[in-house]
Amino acid sequence: MFRVPVLRQLRGIYLPAVLPYFRSALSLGMGLCWKSGAAAEVIGLPDGSIGDHLYSAKVYFQTADLFAWTAVIIAASVLLERLLLRGVDALTGKVGKL
């Protein structure tokens, strides 16, 4: 009706509408990736991995080590998720200004 070019519609209407949902999907996906990655390492037990140390601490009832490795996994997850979301926020700011 107003003959707005398709590229301008994408940049001005669709991308700003989709990006908040994309951001939350990335956040949820990152959490699930860390959870499934840690579970896979515990099941597969590659030598020297966090999952190997986590499993050994569980088997030998080393509660302090178990909590420490769990804290390492959580800290790495939070750090990388924040870095990824900052990148998405920078992209969101650029798209909103176009």
PDB file of N, CA and C in Angstrom:
ATOM      1  N   MET A   1       0.819  -1.181   0.000  1.00  0.00           N
ATOM      2  CA  MET A   1       0.000   0.000   0.000  1.00  0.00           C
ATOM      3  C   MET A   1       0.871   1.255   0.000  1.00  0.00           C
ATOM      4  N   PHE A   2       1.903   1.309   0.833  1.00  0.00           N
ATOM      5  CA  PHE A   2       2.764   2.480   0.888  1.00  0.00           C
ATOM      6  C   PHE A   2       4.010   2.314   0.036  1.00  0.00           C
ATOM      7  N   ARG A   3       4.157   1.159  -0.609  1.00  0.00           N
ATOM      8  CA  ARG A   3       5.289   0.863  -1.498  1.00  0.00           C
ATOM      9  C   ARG A   3       6.636   1.016  -0.796  1.00  0.00           C
ATOM     10  N   VAL A   4       6.724   0.440   0.388  1.00  0.00           N
ATOM     11  CA  VAL A   4       7.984   0.434   1.132  1.00  0.00           C
ATOM     12  C   VAL A   4       8.816  -0.736   0.613  1.00  0.00           C
ATOM     13  N   PRO A   5      10.079  -0.498   0.278  1.00  0.00           N
ATOM     14  CA  PRO A   5      10.924  -1.593  -0.231  1.00  0.00           C
ATOM     15  C   PRO A   5      11.042  -2.727   0.796  1.00  0.00           C
ATOM     16  N   VAL A   6      11.211  -3.931   0.279  1.00  0.00           N
ATOM     17  CA  VAL A   6      11.257  -5.132   1.127  1.00  0.00           C
ATOM     18  C   VAL A   6      12.418  -5.062   2.118  1.00  0.00           C
ATOM     19  N   LEU A   7      13.591  -4.633   1.669  1.00  0.00           N
ATOM     20  CA  LEU A   7      14.744  -4.550   2.567  1.00  0.00           C
ATOM     21  C   LEU A   7      14.481  -3.575   3.714  1.00  0.00           C
ATOM     22  N   ARG A   8      13.835  -2.478   3.415  1.00  0.00           N
ATOM     23  CA  ARG A   8      13.509  -1.504   4.463  1.00  0.00           C
ATOM     24  C   ARG A   8      12.454  -2.058   5.427  1.00  0.00           C
ATOM     25  N   GLN A   9      11.513  -2.838   4.909  1.00  0.00           N
ATOM     26  CA  GLN A   9      10.526  -3.496   5.778  1.00  0.00           C
ATOM     27  C   GLN A   9      11.226  -4.466   6.727  1.00  0.00           C
ATOM     28  N   LEU A  10      12.174  -5.239   6.181  1.00  0.00           N
ATOM     29  CA  LEU A  10      12.907  -6.190   7.019  1.00  0.00           C
ATOM     30  C   LEU A  10      13.663  -5.478   8.134  1.00  0.00           C
ATOM     31  N   ARG A  11      14.392  -4.424   7.765  1.00  0.00           N
ATOM     32  CA  ARG A  11      15.206  -3.713   8.752  1.00  0.00           C
ATOM     33  C   ARG A  11      14.369  -2.902   9.738  1.00  0.00           C
ATOM     34  N   GLY A  12      13.295  -2.342   9.294  1.00  0.00           N
ATOM     35  CA  GLY A  12      12.530  -1.435  10.154  1.00  0.00           C
ATOM     36  C   GLY A  12      11.393  -2.071  10.923  1.00  0.00           C
ATOM     37  N   ILE A  13      10.856  -3.176  10.407  1.00  0.00           N
ATOM     38  CA  ILE A  13       9.671  -3.766  11.047  1.00  0.00           C
ATOM     39  C   ILE A  13       9.960  -5.165  11.582  1.00  0.00           C
ATOM     40  N   TYR A  14      10.396  -6.049  10.700  1.00  0.00           N
ATOM     41  CA  TYR A  14      10.480  -7.459  11.070  1.00  0.00           C
ATOM     42  C   TYR A  14      11.649  -7.774  12.005  1.00  0.00           C
ATOM     43  N   LEU A  15      12.854  -7.297  11.682  1.00  0.00           N
ATOM     44  CA  LEU A  15      14.000  -7.601  12.554  1.00  0.00           C
ATOM     45  C   LEU A  15      13.835  -7.044  13.967  1.00  0.00           C
ATOM     46  N   PRO A  16      13.434  -5.783  14.154  1.00  0.00           N
ATOM     47  CA  PRO A  16      13.230  -5.322  15.529  1.00  0.00           C
ATOM     48  C   PRO A  16      12.138  -6.093  16.272  1.00  0.00           C
ATOM     49  N   ALA A  17      11.165  -6.628  15.542  1.00  0.00           N
ATOM     50  CA  ALA A  17      10.103  -7.400  16.191  1.00  0.00           C
ATOM     51  C   ALA A  17      10.577  -8.801  16.586  1.00  0.00           C
ATOM     52  N   VAL A  18      11.493  -9.361  15.827  1.00  0.00           N
ATOM     53  CA  VAL A  18      11.949 -10.737  16.050  1.00  0.00           C
ATOM     54  C   VAL A  18      13.112 -10.814  17.041  1.00  0.00           C
ATOM     55  N   LEU A  19      13.951  -9.797  17.098  1.00  0.00           N
ATOM     56  CA  LEU A  19      15.175  -9.869  17.889  1.00  0.00           C
ATOM     57  C   LEU A  19      14.969 -10.137  19.382  1.00  0.00           C
ATOM     58  N   PRO A  20      13.966  -9.593  20.067  1.00  0.00           N
ATOM     59  CA  PRO A  20      13.805  -9.966  21.486  1.00  0.00           C
ATOM     60  C   PRO A  20      13.536 -11.460  21.683  1.00  0.00           C
ATOM     61  N   TYR A  21      12.769 -12.051  20.779  1.00  0.00           N
ATOM     62  CA  TYR A  21      12.492 -13.484  20.871  1.00  0.00           C
ATOM     63  C   TYR A  21      13.739 -14.293  20.528  1.00  0.00           C
ATOM     64  N   PHE A  22      14.513 -13.807  19.585  1.00  0.00           N
ATOM     65  CA  PHE A  22      15.767 -14.453  19.222  1.00  0.00           C
ATOM     66  C   PHE A  22      16.742 -14.417  20.393  1.00  0.00           C
ATOM     67  N   ARG A  23      16.775 -13.287  21.096  1.00  0.00           N
ATOM     68  CA  ARG A  23      17.661 -13.134  22.250  1.00  0.00           C
ATOM     69  C   ARG A  23      17.295 -14.124  23.348  1.00  0.00           C
ATOM     70  N   SER A  24      16.014 -14.240  23.648  1.00  0.00           N
ATOM     71  CA  SER A  24      15.604 -15.182  24.699  1.00  0.00           C
ATOM     72  C   SER A  24      15.824 -16.626  24.262  1.00  0.00           C
ATOM     73  N   ALA A  25      15.649 -16.908  22.981  1.00  0.00           N
ATOM     74  CA  ALA A  25      15.908 -18.260  22.479  1.00  0.00           C
ATOM     75  C   ALA A  25      17.393 -18.601  22.584  1.00  0.00           C
ATOM     76  N   LEU A  26      18.258 -17.625  22.304  1.00  0.00           N
ATOM     77  CA  LEU A  26      19.699 -17.849  22.472  1.00  0.00           C
ATOM     78  C   LEU A  26      20.056 -18.111  23.926  1.00  0.00           C
ATOM     79  N   SER A  27      19.445 -17.370  24.819  1.00  0.00           N
ATOM     80  CA  SER A  27      19.718 -17.561  26.240  1.00  0.00           C
ATOM     81  C   SER A  27      19.301 -18.955  26.702  1.00  0.00           C
ATOM     82  N   LEU A  28      18.121 -19.375  26.310  1.00  0.00           N
ATOM     83  CA  LEU A  28      17.655 -20.716  26.674  1.00  0.00           C
ATOM     84  C   LEU A  28      18.508 -21.795  26.010  1.00  0.00           C
ATOM     85  N   GLY A  29      18.861 -21.574  24.763  1.00  0.00           N
ATOM     86  CA  GLY A  29      19.687 -22.541  24.044  1.00  0.00           C
ATOM     87  C   GLY A  29      21.065 -22.703  24.659  1.00  0.00           C
ATOM     88  N   MET A  30      21.653 -21.599  25.077  1.00  0.00           N
ATOM     89  CA  MET A  30      22.969 -21.673  25.720  1.00  0.00           C
ATOM     90  C   MET A  30      22.897 -22.467  27.021  1.00  0.00           C
ATOM     91  N   GLY A  31      21.853 -22.242  27.798  1.00  0.00           N
ATOM     92  CA  GLY A  31      21.692 -22.997  29.040  1.00  0.00           C
ATOM     93  C   GLY A  31      21.558 -24.487  28.785  1.00  0.00           C
ATOM     94  N   LEU A  32      20.765 -24.838  27.781  1.00  0.00           N
ATOM     95  CA  LEU A  32      20.593 -26.251  27.452  1.00  0.00           C
ATOM     96  C   LEU A  32      21.871 -26.854  26.885  1.00  0.00           C
ATOM     97  N   CYS A  33      22.637 -26.066  26.142  1.00  0.00           N
ATOM     98  CA  CYS A  33      23.911 -26.567  25.607  1.00  0.00           C
ATOM     99  C   CYS A  33      24.881 -26.909  26.731  1.00  0.00           C
ATOM    100  N   TRP A  34      24.978 -26.039  27.714  1.00  0.00           N
ATOM    101  CA  TRP A  34      25.884 -26.312  28.833  1.00  0.00           C
ATOM    102  C   TRP A  34      25.403 -27.518  29.630  1.00  0.00           C
ATOM    103  N   LYS A  35      24.114 -27.611  29.822  1.00  0.00           N
ATOM    104  CA  LYS A  35      23.565 -28.740  30.587  1.00  0.00           C
ATOM    105  C   LYS A  35      23.820 -30.052  29.850  1.00  0.00           C
ATOM    106  N   SER A  36      23.520 -30.093  28.559  1.00  0.00           N
ATOM    107  CA  SER A  36      23.711 -31.334  27.810  1.00  0.00           C
ATOM    108  C   SER A  36      25.196 -31.632  27.595  1.00  0.00           C
ATOM    109  N   GLY A  37      26.016 -30.590  27.452  1.00  0.00           N
ATOM    110  CA  GLY A  37      27.455 -30.804  27.300  1.00  0.00           C
ATOM    111  C   GLY A  37      28.073 -31.400  28.548  1.00  0.00           C
ATOM    112  N   ALA A  38      27.682 -30.886  29.707  1.00  0.00           N
ATOM    113  CA  ALA A  38      28.204 -31.437  30.971  1.00  0.00           C
ATOM    114  C   ALA A  38      27.713 -32.870  31.165  1.00  0.00           C
ATOM    115  N   ALA A  39      26.452 -33.127  30.828  1.00  0.00           N
ATOM    116  CA  ALA A  39      25.918 -34.488  30.962  1.00  0.00           C
ATOM    117  C   ALA A  39      26.640 -35.447  30.011  1.00  0.00           C
ATOM    118  N   ALA A  40      26.936 -34.999  28.804  1.00  0.00           N
ATOM    119  CA  ALA A  40      27.644 -35.851  27.847  1.00  0.00           C
ATOM    120  C   ALA A  40      29.062 -36.157  28.326  1.00  0.00           C
ATOM    121  N   GLU A  41      29.710 -35.158  28.945  1.00  0.00           N
ATOM    122  CA  GLU A  41      31.052 -35.410  29.468  1.00  0.00           C
ATOM    123  C   GLU A  41      31.018 -36.378  30.643  1.00  0.00           C
ATOM    124  N   VAL A  42      29.987 -36.302  31.456  1.00  0.00           N
ATOM    125  CA  VAL A  42      29.868 -37.237  32.584  1.00  0.00           C
ATOM    126  C   VAL A  42      29.616 -38.648  32.060  1.00  0.00           C
ATOM    127  N   ILE A  43      28.810 -38.771  31.011  1.00  0.00           N
ATOM    128  CA  ILE A  43      28.515 -40.091  30.458  1.00  0.00           C
ATOM    129  C   ILE A  43      29.714 -40.638  29.683  1.00  0.00           C
ATOM    130  N   GLY A  44      30.328 -39.785  28.834  1.00  0.00           N
ATOM    131  CA  GLY A  44      31.432 -40.245  27.986  1.00  0.00           C
ATOM    132  C   GLY A  44      32.765 -40.347  28.690  1.00  0.00           C
ATOM    133  N   LEU A  45      32.973 -39.546  29.722  1.00  0.00           N
ATOM    134  CA  LEU A  45      34.196 -39.518  30.522  1.00  0.00           C
ATOM    135  C   LEU A  45      35.481 -39.354  29.708  1.00  0.00           C
ATOM    136  N   PRO A  46      35.575 -38.309  28.874  1.00  0.00           N
ATOM    137  CA  PRO A  46      36.867 -38.070  28.227  1.00  0.00           C
ATOM    138  C   PRO A  46      37.904 -37.649  29.276  1.00  0.00           C
ATOM    139  N   ASP A  47      39.129 -38.114  29.119  1.00  0.00           N
ATOM    140  CA  ASP A  47      40.182 -37.857  30.113  1.00  0.00           C
ATOM    141  C   ASP A  47      40.453 -36.367  30.279  1.00  0.00           C
ATOM    142  N   GLY A  48      40.495 -35.922  31.529  1.00  0.00           N
ATOM    143  CA  GLY A  48      40.839 -34.547  31.853  1.00  0.00           C
ATOM    144  C   GLY A  48      39.727 -33.530  31.675  1.00  0.00           C
ATOM    145  N   SER A  49      38.530 -33.959  31.338  1.00  0.00           N
ATOM    146  CA  SER A  49      37.438 -33.013  31.126  1.00  0.00           C
ATOM    147  C   SER A  49      36.759 -32.663  32.451  1.00  0.00           C
ATOM    148  N   ILE A  50      35.969 -31.644  32.413  1.00  0.00           N
ATOM    149  CA  ILE A  50      35.217 -31.256  33.605  1.00  0.00           C
ATOM    150  C   ILE A  50      34.268 -32.378  34.011  1.00  0.00           C
ATOM    151  N   GLY A  51      33.654 -33.024  33.025  1.00  0.00           N
ATOM    152  CA  GLY A  51      32.749 -34.132  33.310  1.00  0.00           C
ATOM    153  C   GLY A  51      33.446 -35.300  33.991  1.00  0.00           C
ATOM    154  N   ASP A  52      34.679 -35.559  33.603  1.00  0.00           N
ATOM    155  CA  ASP A  52      35.464 -36.626  34.239  1.00  0.00           C
ATOM    156  C   ASP A  52      35.720 -36.295  35.703  1.00  0.00           C
ATOM    157  N   HIS A  53      36.125 -35.058  35.973  1.00  0.00           N
ATOM    158  CA  HIS A  53      36.369 -34.637  37.356  1.00  0.00           C
ATOM    159  C   HIS A  53      35.074 -34.615  38.165  1.00  0.00           C
ATOM    160  N   LEU A  54      33.995 -34.196  37.536  1.00  0.00           N
ATOM    161  CA  LEU A  54      32.701 -34.169  38.210  1.00  0.00           C
ATOM    162  C   LEU A  54      32.254 -35.577  38.589  1.00  0.00           C
ATOM    163  N   TYR A  55      32.414 -36.517  37.662  1.00  0.00           N
ATOM    164  CA  TYR A  55      32.028 -37.902  37.926  1.00  0.00           C
ATOM    165  C   TYR A  55      32.898 -38.529  39.019  1.00  0.00           C
ATOM    166  N   SER A  56      34.200 -38.271  38.963  1.00  0.00           N
ATOM    167  CA  SER A  56      35.099 -38.819  39.980  1.00  0.00           C
ATOM    168  C   SER A  56      34.750 -38.275  41.365  1.00  0.00           C
ATOM    169  N   ALA A  57      34.444 -36.994  41.438  1.00  0.00           N
ATOM    170  CA  ALA A  57      34.074 -36.397  42.720  1.00  0.00           C
ATOM    171  C   ALA A  57      32.769 -36.997  43.243  1.00  0.00           C
ATOM    172  N   LYS A  58      31.856 -37.307  42.341  1.00  0.00           N
ATOM    173  CA  LYS A  58      30.580 -37.908  42.751  1.00  0.00           C
ATOM    174  C   LYS A  58      30.794 -39.339  43.261  1.00  0.00           C
ATOM    175  N   VAL A  59      31.592 -40.100  42.535  1.00  0.00           N
ATOM    176  CA  VAL A  59      31.808 -41.505  42.889  1.00  0.00           C
ATOM    177  C   VAL A  59      32.531 -41.643  44.221  1.00  0.00           C
ATOM    178  N   TYR A  60      33.522 -40.793  44.462  1.00  0.00           N
ATOM    179  CA  TYR A  60      34.330 -40.889  45.666  1.00  0.00           C
ATOM    180  C   TYR A  60      33.837 -39.993  46.800  1.00  0.00           C
ATOM    181  N   PHE A  61      32.622 -39.491  46.666  1.00  0.00           N
ATOM    182  CA  PHE A  61      31.983 -38.664  47.709  1.00  0.00           C
ATOM    183  C   PHE A  61      32.840 -37.465  48.124  1.00  0.00           C
ATOM    184  N   GLN A  62      33.449 -36.818  47.161  1.00  0.00           N
ATOM    185  CA  GLN A  62      34.226 -35.606  47.418  1.00  0.00           C
ATOM    186  C   GLN A  62      33.304 -34.407  47.183  1.00  0.00           C
ATOM    187  N   THR A  63      32.530 -34.112  48.202  1.00  0.00           N
ATOM    188  CA  THR A  63      31.484 -33.106  48.075  1.00  0.00           C
ATOM    189  C   THR A  63      32.041 -31.728  47.735  1.00  0.00           C
ATOM    190  N   ALA A  64      33.137 -31.356  48.340  1.00  0.00           N
ATOM    191  CA  ALA A  64      33.732 -30.046  48.064  1.00  0.00           C
ATOM    192  C   ALA A  64      34.156 -29.938  46.599  1.00  0.00           C
ATOM    193  N   ASP A  65      34.783 -30.986  46.078  1.00  0.00           N
ATOM    194  CA  ASP A  65      35.185 -30.990  44.668  1.00  0.00           C
ATOM    195  C   ASP A  65      33.970 -30.971  43.745  1.00  0.00           C
ATOM    196  N   LEU A  66      32.941 -31.710  44.127  1.00  0.00           N
ATOM    197  CA  LEU A  66      31.713 -31.742  43.326  1.00  0.00           C
ATOM    198  C   LEU A  66      31.098 -30.354  43.221  1.00  0.00           C
ATOM    199  N   PHE A  67      30.996 -29.648  44.341  1.00  0.00           N
ATOM    200  CA  PHE A  67      30.446 -28.288  44.315  1.00  0.00           C
ATOM    201  C   PHE A  67      31.368 -27.335  43.568  1.00  0.00           C
ATOM    202  N   ALA A  68      32.674 -27.524  43.689  1.00  0.00           N
ATOM    203  CA  ALA A  68      33.618 -26.655  42.995  1.00  0.00           C
ATOM    204  C   ALA A  68      33.504 -26.813  41.477  1.00  0.00           C
ATOM    205  N   TRP A  69      33.428 -28.044  40.996  1.00  0.00           N
ATOM    206  CA  TRP A  69      33.291 -28.250  39.552  1.00  0.00           C
ATOM    207  C   TRP A  69      31.931 -27.775  39.058  1.00  0.00           C
ATOM    208  N   THR A  70      30.917 -27.937  39.873  1.00  0.00           N
ATOM    209  CA  THR A  70      29.601 -27.412  39.500  1.00  0.00           C
ATOM    210  C   THR A  70      29.640 -25.891  39.403  1.00  0.00           C
ATOM    211  N   ALA A  71      30.328 -25.249  40.327  1.00  0.00           N
ATOM    212  CA  ALA A  71      30.470 -23.786  40.286  1.00  0.00           C
ATOM    213  C   ALA A  71      31.249 -23.352  39.047  1.00  0.00           C
ATOM    214  N   VAL A  72      32.257 -24.137  38.651  1.00  0.00           N
ATOM    215  CA  VAL A  72      33.018 -23.818  37.436  1.00  0.00           C
ATOM    216  C   VAL A  72      32.103 -23.875  36.214  1.00  0.00           C
ATOM    217  N   ILE A  73      31.285 -24.895  36.122  1.00  0.00           N
ATOM    218  CA  ILE A  73      30.362 -25.030  34.993  1.00  0.00           C
ATOM    219  C   ILE A  73      29.380 -23.866  34.967  1.00  0.00           C
ATOM    220  N   ILE A  74      28.831 -23.520  36.117  1.00  0.00           N
ATOM    221  CA  ILE A  74      27.863 -22.421  36.188  1.00  0.00           C
ATOM    222  C   ILE A  74      28.526 -21.095  35.831  1.00  0.00           C
ATOM    223  N   ALA A  75      29.724 -20.856  36.352  1.00  0.00           N
ATOM    224  CA  ALA A  75      30.426 -19.598  36.067  1.00  0.00           C
ATOM    225  C   ALA A  75      30.758 -19.471  34.581  1.00  0.00           C
ATOM    226  N   ALA A  76      31.240 -20.545  33.984  1.00  0.00           N
ATOM    227  CA  ALA A  76      31.552 -20.505  32.553  1.00  0.00           C
ATOM    228  C   ALA A  76      30.288 -20.289  31.724  1.00  0.00           C
ATOM    229  N   SER A  77      29.206 -20.934  32.132  1.00  0.00           N
ATOM    230  CA  SER A  77      27.935 -20.779  31.425  1.00  0.00           C
ATOM    231  C   SER A  77      27.444 -19.340  31.488  1.00  0.00           C
ATOM    232  N   VAL A  78      27.468 -18.751  32.670  1.00  0.00           N
ATOM    233  CA  VAL A  78      26.987 -17.375  32.844  1.00  0.00           C
ATOM    234  C   VAL A  78      27.868 -16.402  32.064  1.00  0.00           C
ATOM    235  N   LEU A  79      29.181 -16.588  32.133  1.00  0.00           N
ATOM    236  CA  LEU A  79      30.097 -15.690  31.453  1.00  0.00           C
ATOM    237  C   LEU A  79      29.893 -15.724  29.935  1.00  0.00           C
ATOM    238  N   LEU A  80      29.855 -16.908  29.365  1.00  0.00           N
ATOM    239  CA  LEU A  80      29.702 -17.013  27.918  1.00  0.00           C
ATOM    240  C   LEU A  80      28.312 -16.581  27.454  1.00  0.00           C
ATOM    241  N   GLU A  81      27.299 -16.826  28.264  1.00  0.00           N
ATOM    242  CA  GLU A  81      25.955 -16.374  27.905  1.00  0.00           C
ATOM    243  C   GLU A  81      25.884 -14.851  27.895  1.00  0.00           C
ATOM    244  N   ARG A  82      26.489 -14.215  28.875  1.00  0.00           N
ATOM    245  CA  ARG A  82      26.495 -12.742  28.903  1.00  0.00           C
ATOM    246  C   ARG A  82      27.246 -12.156  27.724  1.00  0.00           C
ATOM    247  N   LEU A  83      28.377 -12.773  27.361  1.00  0.00           N
ATOM    248  CA  LEU A  83      29.129 -12.295  26.198  1.00  0.00           C
ATOM    249  C   LEU A  83      28.303 -12.421  24.921  1.00  0.00           C
ATOM    250  N   LEU A  84      27.638 -13.549  24.762  1.00  0.00           N
ATOM    251  CA  LEU A  84      26.805 -13.758  23.582  1.00  0.00           C
ATOM    252  C   LEU A  84      25.649 -12.767  23.547  1.00  0.00           C
ATOM    253  N   LEU A  85      25.006 -12.553  24.668  1.00  0.00           N
ATOM    254  CA  LEU A  85      23.868 -11.639  24.696  1.00  0.00           C
ATOM    255  C   LEU A  85      24.302 -10.188  24.506  1.00  0.00           C
ATOM    256  N   ARG A  86      25.497  -9.827  24.944  1.00  0.00           N
ATOM    257  CA  ARG A  86      26.005  -8.470  24.664  1.00  0.00           C
ATOM    258  C   ARG A  86      26.201  -8.279  23.174  1.00  0.00           C
ATOM    259  N   GLY A  87      26.680  -9.313  22.508  1.00  0.00           N
ATOM    260  CA  GLY A  87      26.816  -9.239  21.050  1.00  0.00           C
ATOM    261  C   GLY A  87      25.470  -9.078  20.363  1.00  0.00           C
ATOM    262  N   VAL A  88      24.486  -9.803  20.841  1.00  0.00           N
ATOM    263  CA  VAL A  88      23.141  -9.683  20.280  1.00  0.00           C
ATOM    264  C   VAL A  88      22.566  -8.293  20.575  1.00  0.00           C
ATOM    265  N   ASP A  89      22.805  -7.787  21.775  1.00  0.00           N
ATOM    266  CA  ASP A  89      22.322  -6.438  22.113  1.00  0.00           C
ATOM    267  C   ASP A  89      22.981  -5.381  21.242  1.00  0.00           C
ATOM    268  N   ALA A  90      24.266  -5.559  20.941  1.00  0.00           N
ATOM    269  CA  ALA A  90      24.947  -4.620  20.036  1.00  0.00           C
ATOM    270  C   ALA A  90      24.329  -4.696  18.648  1.00  0.00           C
ATOM    271  N   LEU A  91      24.019  -5.893  18.214  1.00  0.00           N
ATOM    272  CA  LEU A  91      23.361  -6.073  16.917  1.00  0.00           C
ATOM    273  C   LEU A  91      21.974  -5.463  16.931  1.00  0.00           C
ATOM    274  N   THR A  92      21.256  -5.640  18.013  1.00  0.00           N
ATOM    275  CA  THR A  92      19.919  -5.082  18.148  1.00  0.00           C
ATOM    276  C   THR A  92      19.960  -3.566  18.081  1.00  0.00           C
ATOM    277  N   GLY A  93      20.942  -2.970  18.742  1.00  0.00           N
ATOM    278  CA  GLY A  93      21.080  -1.517  18.707  1.00  0.00           C
ATOM    279  C   GLY A  93      21.380  -1.016  17.307  1.00  0.00           C
ATOM    280  N   LYS A  94      22.193  -1.752  16.564  1.00  0.00           N
ATOM    281  CA  LYS A  94      22.512  -1.358  15.192  1.00  0.00           C
ATOM    282  C   LYS A  94      21.306  -1.503  14.274  1.00  0.00           C
ATOM    283  N   VAL A  95      20.546  -2.575  14.445  1.00  0.00           N
ATOM    284  CA  VAL A  95      19.374  -2.783  13.600  1.00  0.00           C
ATOM    285  C   VAL A  95      18.320  -1.728  13.889  1.00  0.00           C
ATOM    286  N   GLY A  96      18.138  -1.382  15.161  1.00  0.00           N
ATOM    287  CA  GLY A  96      17.139  -0.389  15.524  1.00  0.00           C
ATOM    288  C   GLY A  96      17.459   0.997  14.987  1.00  0.00           C
ATOM    289  N   LYS A  97      18.752   1.285  14.731  1.00  0.00           N
ATOM    290  CA  LYS A  97      19.161   2.602  14.253  1.00  0.00           C
ATOM    291  C   LYS A  97      19.094   2.729  12.738  1.00  0.00           C
ATOM    292  N   LEU A  98      18.959   1.583  12.040  1.00  0.00           N
ATOM    293  CA  LEU A  98      18.949   1.646  10.567  1.00  0.00           C
ATOM    294  C   LEU A  98      17.656   2.193  10.044  1.00  0.00           C
TER     295      LEU A  98
END
